[in-house]
Amino acid sequence: MFKAWRKMIWVLVLLLVLPTAAPVYGELNLAQIKERVLETLNKGNYTVQYTETSFRFGRRQESASQVWVKERSLLRRMESPFWQRGEVTLENDNRFLFFIPNLNVGLKLDHQSGKNKKPLPEWKNWLDKVTQFDGETVLTGRPVFSLSGVSDKNSFRIYIDKEYNFPIGFDLNRRGILIQSLRFQQFKKLPASFNLESFFPENVKWYENETKFWQAISIPRVQMGVNFPIGQPAYVPEGYQFLRASIEELSQATVVHLLYENSNRQRISIFEREKLSDRQRFSFEEFIRAGQTVYVYQFFSNQVNYAIIGAVPVEELKKIAASIK
């Protein structure tokens, strides 16, 4: 009788303890994993290749980079898309350097510039927001820890390699839809003699003002990625100035995007793509944010299809269009 009661007591103790023990175990594992990963990101000397996939305007966009980290400095070199191939970014506690080899120009900023640049990798910022340890799984053939969290109503998951204590995968979801994904390959330790500064030649023309740099450089940079001449307006409404040019992957085509902004952060966008036919126009709903009151003007000129979008009257958009050369 006594033995039977003793067994029942032990069963009750287990039933009471086990439900509370699992969360504590998970929290301890989560803290330990984050600590190991942060040590790798902050102190390790390593190189890693990764591919970033984003889903914008209903279209899949992919880029590839290689990263070198040494003594809290990080250098990234672009491998694709082809018009960015070879571009180098270096960040550390003191400065930010961005170099475009095809143009042999670069941007140089320090902490006094007001940008408050911090050493990468940016994956550390997501690690700080992890709240849950989801267990172990396999990613790209590697055993990993799966961690997850929520940031600005977006859910995300980070996959940590169990051997290297390094993120080898990252997925970001918005309202249940995947909008960004990172996959890492070839994690290797760096030799002590490796020098990040060797990626910059001696005769680089350096800019120390970010706005002036992009105003001077972004159109020649983007021109290398398209096979039609980029048209630029001689007229924009008072108060607006050119910020930068970029290449956007829309669901219909690859287009050039010229961006103008005023002191109130109001923007005018000019989208350009090679003309296909008079009937094919931009589906401008792809790049208008919900809730915005904007006007759109589309036209064709010199075998280029244009769409001008902005929170200004259509008459102003027509003036911009008439001044494009």
C-alpha atoms as a PDB file:
ATOM      1  CA  MET A   1       0.000   0.000   0.000  1.00  0.00           C
ATOM      2  CA  PHE A   2       2.762   2.375   0.972  1.00  0.00           C
ATOM      3  CA  LYS A   3       4.642   1.610  -2.274  1.00  0.00           C
ATOM      4  CA  ALA A   4       1.513   2.286  -4.334  1.00  0.00           C
ATOM      5  CA  TRP A   5       0.997   5.674  -2.666  1.00  0.00           C
ATOM      6  CA  ARG A   6       4.664   6.532  -3.223  1.00  0.00           C
ATOM      7  CA  LYS A   7       4.327   5.825  -6.960  1.00  0.00           C
ATOM      8  CA  MET A   8       1.206   7.987  -7.188  1.00  0.00           C
ATOM      9  CA  ILE A   9       3.018  10.869  -5.436  1.00  0.00           C
ATOM     10  CA  TRP A  10       5.889  10.668  -7.920  1.00  0.00           C
ATOM     11  CA  VAL A  11       3.457  10.677 -10.841  1.00  0.00           C
ATOM     12  CA  LEU A  12       1.760  13.809  -9.464  1.00  0.00           C
ATOM     13  CA  VAL A  13       5.131  15.522  -8.997  1.00  0.00           C
ATOM     14  CA  LEU A  14       6.103  14.778 -12.600  1.00  0.00           C
ATOM     15  CA  LEU A  15       2.778  16.041 -13.922  1.00  0.00           C
ATOM     16  CA  LEU A  16       3.211  19.286 -11.994  1.00  0.00           C
ATOM     17  CA  VAL A  17       6.871  19.845 -12.912  1.00  0.00           C
ATOM     18  CA  LEU A  18       7.062  18.820 -16.572  1.00  0.00           C
ATOM     19  CA  PRO A  19       4.729  21.497 -18.036  1.00  0.00           C
ATOM     20  CA  THR A  20       6.784  24.288 -16.481  1.00  0.00           C
ATOM     21  CA  ALA A  21      10.171  22.680 -17.136  1.00  0.00           C
ATOM     22  CA  ALA A  22       9.915  22.776 -20.957  1.00  0.00           C
ATOM     23  CA  PRO A  23       9.676  26.589 -21.348  1.00  0.00           C
ATOM     24  CA  VAL A  24      12.571  27.126 -18.940  1.00  0.00           C
ATOM     25  CA  TYR A  25      14.673  24.644 -20.912  1.00  0.00           C
ATOM     26  CA  GLY A  26      13.794  26.426 -24.151  1.00  0.00           C
ATOM     27  CA  GLU A  27      14.619  29.867 -22.774  1.00  0.00           C
ATOM     28  CA  LEU A  28      17.988  28.659 -21.492  1.00  0.00           C
ATOM     29  CA  ASN A  29      18.829  27.132 -24.862  1.00  0.00           C
ATOM     30  CA  LEU A  30      17.743  30.305 -26.641  1.00  0.00           C
ATOM     31  CA  ALA A  31      19.989  32.485 -24.481  1.00  0.00           C
ATOM     32  CA  GLN A  32      22.944  30.151 -24.952  1.00  0.00           C
ATOM     33  CA  ILE A  33      22.504  29.996 -28.732  1.00  0.00           C
ATOM     34  CA  LYS A  34      22.240  33.777 -29.049  1.00  0.00           C
ATOM     35  CA  GLU A  35      25.350  34.237 -26.908  1.00  0.00           C
ATOM     36  CA  ARG A  36      27.380  31.858 -29.097  1.00  0.00           C
ATOM     37  CA  VAL A  37      26.192  33.472 -32.324  1.00  0.00           C
ATOM     38  CA  LEU A  38      26.933  36.982 -31.088  1.00  0.00           C
ATOM     39  CA  GLU A  39      30.441  35.882 -30.155  1.00  0.00           C
ATOM     40  CA  THR A  40      30.952  34.569 -33.711  1.00  0.00           C
ATOM     41  CA  LEU A  41      29.537  37.707 -35.333  1.00  0.00           C
ATOM     42  CA  ASN A  42      31.436  40.160 -33.115  1.00  0.00           C
ATOM     43  CA  LYS A  43      34.795  38.485 -32.642  1.00  0.00           C
ATOM     44  CA  GLY A  44      35.234  35.969 -35.413  1.00  0.00           C
ATOM     45  CA  ASN A  45      37.473  36.393 -38.458  1.00  0.00           C
ATOM     46  CA  TYR A  46      35.673  34.659 -41.290  1.00  0.00           C
ATOM     47  CA  THR A  47      34.374  34.863 -44.845  1.00  0.00           C
ATOM     48  CA  VAL A  48      31.020  33.684 -46.131  1.00  0.00           C
ATOM     49  CA  GLN A  49      29.093  33.796 -49.406  1.00  0.00           C
ATOM     50  CA  TYR A  50      25.361  34.371 -49.437  1.00  0.00           C
ATOM     51  CA  THR A  51      22.426  34.856 -51.762  1.00  0.00           C
ATOM     52  CA  GLU A  52      19.610  37.285 -51.021  1.00  0.00           C
ATOM     53  CA  THR A  53      16.190  36.812 -52.596  1.00  0.00           C
ATOM     54  CA  SER A  54      13.509  39.467 -52.287  1.00  0.00           C
ATOM     55  CA  PHE A  55      10.005  39.596 -53.659  1.00  0.00           C
ATOM     56  CA  ARG A  56       9.129  43.144 -54.741  1.00  0.00           C
ATOM     57  CA  PHE A  57       6.437  44.383 -57.098  1.00  0.00           C
ATOM     58  CA  GLY A  58       5.331  40.787 -57.590  1.00  0.00           C
ATOM     59  CA  ARG A  59       8.700  39.697 -58.945  1.00  0.00           C
ATOM     60  CA  ARG A  60      11.536  37.603 -57.560  1.00  0.00           C
ATOM     61  CA  GLN A  61      14.860  39.474 -57.351  1.00  0.00           C
ATOM     62  CA  GLU A  62      18.117  37.786 -56.472  1.00  0.00           C
ATOM     63  CA  SER A  63      21.612  39.057 -55.637  1.00  0.00           C
ATOM     64  CA  ALA A  64      24.774  37.330 -54.454  1.00  0.00           C
ATOM     65  CA  SER A  65      27.603  38.668 -52.281  1.00  0.00           C
ATOM     66  CA  GLN A  66      30.695  37.595 -50.422  1.00  0.00           C
ATOM     67  CA  VAL A  67      31.476  38.957 -46.961  1.00  0.00           C
ATOM     68  CA  TRP A  68      34.728  39.155 -45.035  1.00  0.00           C
ATOM     69  CA  VAL A  69      34.660  39.947 -41.297  1.00  0.00           C
ATOM     70  CA  LYS A  70      37.787  40.780 -39.329  1.00  0.00           C
ATOM     71  CA  GLU A  71      38.182  42.539 -35.977  1.00  0.00           C
ATOM     72  CA  ARG A  72      34.714  44.145 -36.029  1.00  0.00           C
ATOM     73  CA  SER A  73      35.151  45.320 -39.616  1.00  0.00           C
ATOM     74  CA  LEU A  74      32.981  43.933 -42.402  1.00  0.00           C
ATOM     75  CA  LEU A  75      33.620  44.066 -46.133  1.00  0.00           C
ATOM     76  CA  ARG A  76      31.003  43.020 -48.698  1.00  0.00           C
ATOM     77  CA  ARG A  77      31.681  42.505 -52.413  1.00  0.00           C
ATOM     78  CA  MET A  78      28.772  42.120 -54.819  1.00  0.00           C
ATOM     79  CA  GLU A  79      28.811  39.152 -57.206  1.00  0.00           C
ATOM     80  CA  SER A  80      25.430  39.807 -58.851  1.00  0.00           C
ATOM     81  CA  PRO A  81      23.412  41.398 -60.410  1.00  0.00           C
ATOM     82  CA  PHE A  82      25.962  41.998 -63.156  1.00  0.00           C
ATOM     83  CA  TRP A  83      25.712  45.819 -63.106  1.00  0.00           C
ATOM     84  CA  GLN A  84      26.791  45.820 -59.422  1.00  0.00           C
ATOM     85  CA  ARG A  85      29.414  43.121 -59.726  1.00  0.00           C
ATOM     86  CA  GLY A  86      32.630  44.018 -57.914  1.00  0.00           C
ATOM     87  CA  GLU A  87      31.164  46.872 -55.827  1.00  0.00           C
ATOM     88  CA  VAL A  88      32.687  46.876 -52.338  1.00  0.00           C
ATOM     89  CA  THR A  89      31.322  48.137 -49.014  1.00  0.00           C
ATOM     90  CA  LEU A  90      33.485  48.322 -45.887  1.00  0.00           C
ATOM     91  CA  GLU A  91      32.085  49.209 -42.454  1.00  0.00           C
ATOM     92  CA  ASN A  92      33.641  49.325 -39.000  1.00  0.00           C
ATOM     93  CA  ASP A  93      33.351  51.323 -35.778  1.00  0.00           C
ATOM     94  CA  ASN A  94      34.921  54.417 -37.344  1.00  0.00           C
ATOM     95  CA  ARG A  95      33.884  54.700 -40.973  1.00  0.00           C
ATOM     96  CA  PHE A  96      31.897  53.575 -43.984  1.00  0.00           C
ATOM     97  CA  LEU A  97      33.461  53.080 -47.436  1.00  0.00           C
ATOM     98  CA  PHE A  98      31.638  52.238 -50.674  1.00  0.00           C
ATOM     99  CA  PHE A  99      33.643  51.664 -53.860  1.00  0.00           C
ATOM    100  CA  ILE A 100      32.449  51.279 -57.488  1.00  0.00           C
ATOM    101  CA  PRO A 101      35.335  49.696 -59.433  1.00  0.00           C
ATOM    102  CA  ASN A 102      33.932  50.288 -62.938  1.00  0.00           C
ATOM    103  CA  LEU A 103      33.880  54.044 -62.268  1.00  0.00           C
ATOM    104  CA  ASN A 104      36.830  54.057 -59.831  1.00  0.00           C
ATOM    105  CA  VAL A 105      34.930  56.292 -57.394  1.00  0.00           C
ATOM    106  CA  GLY A 106      33.865  55.839 -53.810  1.00  0.00           C
ATOM    107  CA  LEU A 107      31.943  57.242 -50.854  1.00  0.00           C
ATOM    108  CA  LYS A 108      33.726  57.764 -47.530  1.00  0.00           C
ATOM    109  CA  LEU A 109      31.814  58.609 -44.322  1.00  0.00           C
ATOM    110  CA  ASP A 110      32.757  58.663 -40.651  1.00  0.00           C
ATOM    111  CA  HIS A 111      30.700  58.818 -37.445  1.00  0.00           C
ATOM    112  CA  GLN A 112      30.835  62.618 -37.479  1.00  0.00           C
ATOM    113  CA  SER A 113      28.858  62.587 -40.729  1.00  0.00           C
ATOM    114  CA  GLY A 114      25.636  62.078 -38.771  1.00  0.00           C
ATOM    115  CA  LYS A 115      24.976  58.707 -40.354  1.00  0.00           C
ATOM    116  CA  ASN A 116      26.000  56.808 -37.205  1.00  0.00           C
ATOM    117  CA  LYS A 117      27.103  53.843 -39.225  1.00  0.00           C
ATOM    118  CA  LYS A 118      27.580  50.668 -37.208  1.00  0.00           C
ATOM    119  CA  PRO A 119      29.600  47.587 -38.065  1.00  0.00           C
ATOM    120  CA  LEU A 120      27.667  44.905 -39.872  1.00  0.00           C
ATOM    121  CA  PRO A 121      26.502  42.197 -40.197  1.00  0.00           C
ATOM    122  CA  GLU A 122      22.912  43.352 -40.045  1.00  0.00           C
ATOM    123  CA  TRP A 123      21.835  39.798 -39.141  1.00  0.00           C
ATOM    124  CA  LYS A 124      22.809  40.709 -35.569  1.00  0.00           C
ATOM    125  CA  ASN A 125      19.963  43.244 -35.486  1.00  0.00           C
ATOM    126  CA  TRP A 126      17.476  40.465 -36.192  1.00  0.00           C
ATOM    127  CA  LEU A 127      19.086  38.203 -33.619  1.00  0.00           C
ATOM    128  CA  ASP A 128      18.417  40.844 -30.949  1.00  0.00           C
ATOM    129  CA  LYS A 129      14.679  40.515 -31.726  1.00  0.00           C
ATOM    130  CA  VAL A 130      14.502  36.720 -31.500  1.00  0.00           C
ATOM    131  CA  THR A 131      12.003  35.605 -28.857  1.00  0.00           C
ATOM    132  CA  GLN A 132      11.536  31.909 -29.481  1.00  0.00           C
ATOM    133  CA  PHE A 133      13.612  28.771 -29.898  1.00  0.00           C
ATOM    134  CA  ASP A 134      11.684  26.483 -32.273  1.00  0.00           C
ATOM    135  CA  GLY A 135      13.974  23.450 -32.055  1.00  0.00           C
ATOM    136  CA  GLU A 136      16.395  21.728 -34.406  1.00  0.00           C
ATOM    137  CA  THR A 137      16.004  21.044 -38.134  1.00  0.00           C
ATOM    138  CA  VAL A 138      18.078  20.725 -41.340  1.00  0.00           C
ATOM    139  CA  LEU A 139      18.711  23.511 -43.886  1.00  0.00           C
ATOM    140  CA  THR A 140      20.732  23.063 -47.100  1.00  0.00           C
ATOM    141  CA  GLY A 141      22.009  19.779 -45.697  1.00  0.00           C
ATOM    142  CA  ARG A 142      23.274  21.323 -42.433  1.00  0.00           C
ATOM    143  CA  PRO A 143      21.901  20.707 -38.909  1.00  0.00           C
ATOM    144  CA  VAL A 144      20.583  24.019 -37.566  1.00  0.00           C
ATOM    145  CA  PHE A 145      18.769  25.650 -34.659  1.00  0.00           C
ATOM    146  CA  SER A 146      15.556  27.406 -35.707  1.00  0.00           C
ATOM    147  CA  LEU A 147      14.883  30.761 -33.978  1.00  0.00           C
ATOM    148  CA  SER A 148      11.951  33.089 -34.631  1.00  0.00           C
ATOM    149  CA  GLY A 149      10.499  36.462 -33.669  1.00  0.00           C
ATOM    150  CA  VAL A 150       8.339  39.392 -34.750  1.00  0.00           C
ATOM    151  CA  SER A 151       9.441  42.904 -35.757  1.00  0.00           C
ATOM    152  CA  ASP A 152       7.152  45.713 -36.961  1.00  0.00           C
ATOM    153  CA  LYS A 153       4.345  43.207 -37.605  1.00  0.00           C
ATOM    154  CA  ASN A 154       6.708  41.105 -39.745  1.00  0.00           C
ATOM    155  CA  SER A 155       7.533  37.584 -38.631  1.00  0.00           C
ATOM    156  CA  PHE A 156      10.964  36.125 -39.260  1.00  0.00           C
ATOM    157  CA  ARG A 157      12.989  32.973 -38.732  1.00  0.00           C
ATOM    158  CA  ILE A 158      16.775  32.586 -38.410  1.00  0.00           C
ATOM    159  CA  TYR A 159      18.565  29.277 -38.915  1.00  0.00           C
ATOM    160  CA  ILE A 160      21.805  28.870 -36.908  1.00  0.00           C
ATOM    161  CA  ASP A 161      24.436  26.339 -37.980  1.00  0.00           C
ATOM    162  CA  LYS A 162      25.091  24.071 -34.980  1.00  0.00           C
ATOM    163  CA  GLU A 163      28.787  23.575 -35.798  1.00  0.00           C
ATOM    164  CA  TYR A 164      29.799  27.143 -36.688  1.00  0.00           C
ATOM    165  CA  ASN A 165      27.296  29.077 -34.512  1.00  0.00           C
ATOM    166  CA  PHE A 166      26.581  31.204 -37.570  1.00  0.00           C
ATOM    167  CA  PRO A 167      23.309  32.182 -39.332  1.00  0.00           C
ATOM    168  CA  ILE A 168      23.023  30.207 -42.572  1.00  0.00           C
ATOM    169  CA  GLY A 169      19.412  31.099 -43.340  1.00  0.00           C
ATOM    170  CA  PHE A 170      16.933  33.910 -42.785  1.00  0.00           C
ATOM    171  CA  ASP A 171      13.299  34.267 -43.892  1.00  0.00           C
ATOM    172  CA  LEU A 172      11.143  37.375 -43.476  1.00  0.00           C
ATOM    173  CA  ASN A 173       7.361  37.211 -43.843  1.00  0.00           C
ATOM    174  CA  ARG A 174       4.758  39.952 -44.059  1.00  0.00           C
ATOM    175  CA  ARG A 175       1.159  38.885 -43.407  1.00  0.00           C
ATOM    176  CA  GLY A 176       2.187  35.287 -44.038  1.00  0.00           C
ATOM    177  CA  ILE A 177       3.886  36.018 -47.383  1.00  0.00           C
ATOM    178  CA  LEU A 178       7.643  35.535 -47.848  1.00  0.00           C
ATOM    179  CA  ILE A 179       9.214  38.872 -48.831  1.00  0.00           C
ATOM    180  CA  GLN A 180      12.936  38.240 -48.206  1.00  0.00           C
ATOM    181  CA  SER A 181      15.204  35.240 -47.856  1.00  0.00           C
ATOM    182  CA  LEU A 182      18.954  34.818 -47.211  1.00  0.00           C
ATOM    183  CA  ARG A 183      20.994  31.646 -47.690  1.00  0.00           C
ATOM    184  CA  PHE A 184      24.674  31.369 -46.716  1.00  0.00           C
ATOM    185  CA  GLN A 185      27.393  29.093 -48.102  1.00  0.00           C
ATOM    186  CA  GLN A 186      31.081  28.326 -47.581  1.00  0.00           C
ATOM    187  CA  PHE A 187      31.754  29.622 -44.082  1.00  0.00           C
ATOM    188  CA  LYS A 188      35.575  29.804 -43.676  1.00  0.00           C
ATOM    189  CA  LYS A 189      37.968  31.297 -41.131  1.00  0.00           C
ATOM    190  CA  LEU A 190      40.340  34.047 -42.310  1.00  0.00           C
ATOM    191  CA  PRO A 191      44.137  33.897 -41.962  1.00  0.00           C
ATOM    192  CA  ALA A 192      45.658  36.467 -39.609  1.00  0.00           C
ATOM    193  CA  SER A 193      47.458  38.163 -42.516  1.00  0.00           C
ATOM    194  CA  PHE A 194      44.254  38.940 -44.441  1.00  0.00           C
ATOM    195  CA  ASN A 195      43.889  42.684 -45.144  1.00  0.00           C
ATOM    196  CA  LEU A 196      40.473  44.208 -45.917  1.00  0.00           C
ATOM    197  CA  GLU A 197      42.055  47.418 -47.211  1.00  0.00           C
ATOM    198  CA  SER A 198      43.590  45.488 -50.129  1.00  0.00           C
ATOM    199  CA  PHE A 199      40.238  45.687 -51.957  1.00  0.00           C
ATOM    200  CA  PHE A 200      40.694  49.438 -52.573  1.00  0.00           C
ATOM    201  CA  PRO A 201      43.203  50.762 -55.165  1.00  0.00           C
ATOM    202  CA  GLU A 202      45.269  53.831 -54.366  1.00  0.00           C
ATOM    203  CA  ASN A 203      43.862  56.218 -56.984  1.00  0.00           C
ATOM    204  CA  VAL A 204      40.150  56.141 -56.004  1.00  0.00           C
ATOM    205  CA  LYS A 205      38.227  59.419 -56.277  1.00  0.00           C
ATOM    206  CA  TRP A 206      36.505  59.688 -52.894  1.00  0.00           C
ATOM    207  CA  TYR A 207      33.342  61.661 -52.081  1.00  0.00           C
ATOM    208  CA  GLU A 208      32.557  62.645 -48.487  1.00  0.00           C
ATOM    209  CA  ASN A 209      28.952  63.772 -49.035  1.00  0.00           C
ATOM    210  CA  GLU A 210      26.406  61.018 -49.636  1.00  0.00           C
ATOM    211  CA  THR A 211      23.869  63.174 -51.505  1.00  0.00           C
ATOM    212  CA  LYS A 212      26.487  64.614 -53.863  1.00  0.00           C
ATOM    213  CA  PHE A 213      27.971  61.166 -54.407  1.00  0.00           C
ATOM    214  CA  TRP A 214      24.692  59.616 -55.570  1.00  0.00           C
ATOM    215  CA  GLN A 215      23.762  62.666 -57.613  1.00  0.00           C
ATOM    216  CA  ALA A 216      27.030  62.351 -59.535  1.00  0.00           C
ATOM    217  CA  ILE A 217      27.396  58.591 -59.696  1.00  0.00           C
ATOM    218  CA  SER A 218      24.082  56.749 -59.676  1.00  0.00           C
ATOM    219  CA  ILE A 219      22.991  57.439 -63.283  1.00  0.00           C
ATOM    220  CA  PRO A 220      26.360  56.352 -64.835  1.00  0.00           C
ATOM    221  CA  ARG A 221      26.250  53.319 -62.535  1.00  0.00           C
ATOM    222  CA  VAL A 222      22.711  52.335 -63.577  1.00  0.00           C
ATOM    223  CA  GLN A 223      23.402  53.046 -67.256  1.00  0.00           C
ATOM    224  CA  MET A 224      25.735  50.031 -67.241  1.00  0.00           C
ATOM    225  CA  GLY A 225      22.739  47.810 -66.471  1.00  0.00           C
ATOM    226  CA  VAL A 226      20.421  48.780 -69.358  1.00  0.00           C
ATOM    227  CA  ASN A 227      20.754  48.927 -73.146  1.00  0.00           C
ATOM    228  CA  PHE A 228      18.863  52.201 -73.775  1.00  0.00           C
ATOM    229  CA  PRO A 229      19.896  55.785 -72.962  1.00  0.00           C
ATOM    230  CA  ILE A 230      18.483  57.085 -69.676  1.00  0.00           C
ATOM    231  CA  GLY A 231      16.387  60.228 -70.131  1.00  0.00           C
ATOM    232  CA  GLN A 232      16.737  63.011 -67.539  1.00  0.00           C
ATOM    233  CA  PRO A 233      14.399  65.965 -67.016  1.00  0.00           C
ATOM    234  CA  ALA A 234      15.635  69.542 -67.272  1.00  0.00           C
ATOM    235  CA  TYR A 235      12.607  70.645 -65.200  1.00  0.00           C
ATOM    236  CA  VAL A 236      11.238  69.463 -61.844  1.00  0.00           C
ATOM    237  CA  PRO A 237       8.842  71.379 -59.541  1.00  0.00           C
ATOM    238  CA  GLU A 238      10.414  73.931 -57.198  1.00  0.00           C
ATOM    239  CA  GLY A 239      11.938  72.403 -54.092  1.00  0.00           C
ATOM    240  CA  TYR A 240      12.595  68.961 -55.597  1.00  0.00           C
ATOM    241  CA  GLN A 241      16.088  67.674 -56.215  1.00  0.00           C
ATOM    242  CA  PHE A 242      17.492  64.489 -57.702  1.00  0.00           C
ATOM    243  CA  LEU A 243      18.411  61.867 -55.088  1.00  0.00           C
ATOM    244  CA  ARG A 244      19.514  58.745 -56.946  1.00  0.00           C
ATOM    245  CA  ALA A 245      18.903  56.278 -59.742  1.00  0.00           C
ATOM    246  CA  SER A 246      18.364  52.554 -59.392  1.00  0.00           C
ATOM    247  CA  ILE A 247      17.199  49.530 -61.353  1.00  0.00           C
ATOM    248  CA  GLU A 248      13.883  47.991 -60.296  1.00  0.00           C
ATOM    249  CA  GLU A 249      12.562  44.571 -61.211  1.00  0.00           C
ATOM    250  CA  LEU A 250       8.826  44.939 -61.850  1.00  0.00           C
ATOM    251  CA  SER A 251       6.554  42.068 -62.832  1.00  0.00           C
ATOM    252  CA  GLN A 252       6.440  43.362 -66.415  1.00  0.00           C
ATOM    253  CA  ALA A 253      10.031  44.408 -67.032  1.00  0.00           C
ATOM    254  CA  THR A 254      13.349  45.652 -65.707  1.00  0.00           C
ATOM    255  CA  VAL A 255      13.131  49.445 -65.419  1.00  0.00           C
ATOM    256  CA  VAL A 256      15.252  52.430 -64.433  1.00  0.00           C
ATOM    257  CA  HIS A 257      13.946  54.451 -61.479  1.00  0.00           C
ATOM    258  CA  LEU A 258      14.960  58.125 -61.063  1.00  0.00           C
ATOM    259  CA  LEU A 259      13.968  59.483 -57.654  1.00  0.00           C
ATOM    260  CA  TYR A 260      13.428  63.159 -56.721  1.00  0.00           C
ATOM    261  CA  GLU A 261      12.531  64.488 -53.263  1.00  0.00           C
ATOM    262  CA  ASN A 262      11.703  67.796 -51.531  1.00  0.00           C
ATOM    263  CA  SER A 263      12.328  68.970 -47.967  1.00  0.00           C
ATOM    264  CA  ASN A 264       8.965  67.505 -46.854  1.00  0.00           C
ATOM    265  CA  ARG A 265      10.042  64.026 -48.025  1.00  0.00           C
ATOM    266  CA  GLN A 266       7.520  64.130 -50.858  1.00  0.00           C
ATOM    267  CA  ARG A 267       8.801  62.225 -53.869  1.00  0.00           C
ATOM    268  CA  ILE A 268       8.530  62.152 -57.634  1.00  0.00           C
ATOM    269  CA  SER A 269       9.515  58.953 -59.434  1.00  0.00           C
ATOM    270  CA  ILE A 270      10.373  58.585 -63.110  1.00  0.00           C
ATOM    271  CA  PHE A 271      10.320  55.017 -64.411  1.00  0.00           C
ATOM    272  CA  GLU A 272      11.881  54.183 -67.774  1.00  0.00           C
ATOM    273  CA  ARG A 273      12.042  51.014 -69.822  1.00  0.00           C
ATOM    274  CA  GLU A 274      12.729  50.107 -73.411  1.00  0.00           C
ATOM    275  CA  LYS A 275       9.613  50.604 -75.534  1.00  0.00           C
ATOM    276  CA  LEU A 276       7.926  47.364 -76.575  1.00  0.00           C
ATOM    277  CA  SER A 277       4.748  48.649 -78.238  1.00  0.00           C
ATOM    278  CA  ASP A 278       2.386  51.610 -78.065  1.00  0.00           C
ATOM    279  CA  ARG A 279      -0.197  49.499 -76.266  1.00  0.00           C
ATOM    280  CA  GLN A 280       2.074  48.166 -73.545  1.00  0.00           C
ATOM    281  CA  ARG A 281       2.152  50.525 -70.581  1.00  0.00           C
ATOM    282  CA  PHE A 282       3.351  50.324 -67.012  1.00  0.00           C
ATOM    283  CA  SER A 283       1.041  48.743 -64.475  1.00  0.00           C
ATOM    284  CA  PHE A 284       1.679  51.627 -62.085  1.00  0.00           C
ATOM    285  CA  GLU A 285      -0.342  50.025 -59.281  1.00  0.00           C
ATOM    286  CA  GLU A 286       2.761  47.927 -58.659  1.00  0.00           C
ATOM    287  CA  PHE A 287       4.777  50.809 -57.282  1.00  0.00           C
ATOM    288  CA  ILE A 288       2.138  53.063 -55.651  1.00  0.00           C
ATOM    289  CA  ARG A 289       1.790  52.523 -51.935  1.00  0.00           C
ATOM    290  CA  ALA A 290      -1.688  52.053 -50.549  1.00  0.00           C
ATOM    291  CA  GLY A 291      -3.257  55.232 -49.197  1.00  0.00           C
ATOM    292  CA  GLN A 292      -1.164  57.639 -51.262  1.00  0.00           C
ATOM    293  CA  THR A 293      -2.777  60.384 -53.335  1.00  0.00           C
ATOM    294  CA  VAL A 294      -0.623  60.602 -56.435  1.00  0.00           C
ATOM    295  CA  TYR A 295      -0.916  61.347 -60.122  1.00  0.00           C
ATOM    296  CA  VAL A 296       0.524  59.365 -63.002  1.00  0.00           C
ATOM    297  CA  TYR A 297       1.541  60.462 -66.491  1.00  0.00           C
ATOM    298  CA  GLN A 298       2.760  57.982 -69.091  1.00  0.00           C
ATOM    299  CA  PHE A 299       4.259  58.620 -72.518  1.00  0.00           C
ATOM    300  CA  PHE A 300       6.679  57.298 -75.160  1.00  0.00           C
ATOM    301  CA  SER A 301       9.778  59.066 -76.454  1.00  0.00           C
ATOM    302  CA  ASN A 302      12.837  57.894 -78.402  1.00  0.00           C
ATOM    303  CA  GLN A 303      11.832  54.233 -78.085  1.00  0.00           C
ATOM    304  CA  VAL A 304      11.530  54.523 -74.292  1.00  0.00           C
ATOM    305  CA  ASN A 305       8.376  53.990 -72.240  1.00  0.00           C
ATOM    306  CA  TYR A 306       8.071  56.506 -69.356  1.00  0.00           C
ATOM    307  CA  ALA A 307       5.852  56.683 -66.276  1.00  0.00           C
ATOM    308  CA  ILE A 308       6.081  59.741 -63.985  1.00  0.00           C
ATOM    309  CA  ILE A 309       4.451  59.469 -60.554  1.00  0.00           C
ATOM    310  CA  GLY A 310       4.150  62.116 -57.845  1.00  0.00           C
ATOM    311  CA  ALA A 311       1.888  63.968 -55.419  1.00  0.00           C
ATOM    312  CA  VAL A 312       1.798  66.982 -57.751  1.00  0.00           C
ATOM    313  CA  PRO A 313      -0.789  68.004 -60.386  1.00  0.00           C
ATOM    314  CA  VAL A 314      -0.737  66.223 -63.732  1.00  0.00           C
ATOM    315  CA  GLU A 315       0.176  69.542 -65.403  1.00  0.00           C
ATOM    316  CA  GLU A 316       3.455  69.497 -63.475  1.00  0.00           C
ATOM    317  CA  LEU A 317       4.107  65.903 -64.513  1.00  0.00           C
ATOM    318  CA  LYS A 318       3.565  66.921 -68.147  1.00  0.00           C
ATOM    319  CA  LYS A 319       6.116  69.726 -67.758  1.00  0.00           C
ATOM    320  CA  ILE A 320       8.621  67.206 -66.423  1.00  0.00           C
ATOM    321  CA  ALA A 321       7.883  64.915 -69.375  1.00  0.00           C
ATOM    322  CA  ALA A 322       8.348  67.709 -71.921  1.00  0.00           C
ATOM    323  CA  SER A 323      11.780  68.532 -70.487  1.00  0.00           C
ATOM    324  CA  ILE A 324      13.189  64.984 -70.609  1.00  0.00           C
ATOM    325  CA  LYS A 325      16.086  64.577 -73.010  1.00  0.00           C
END
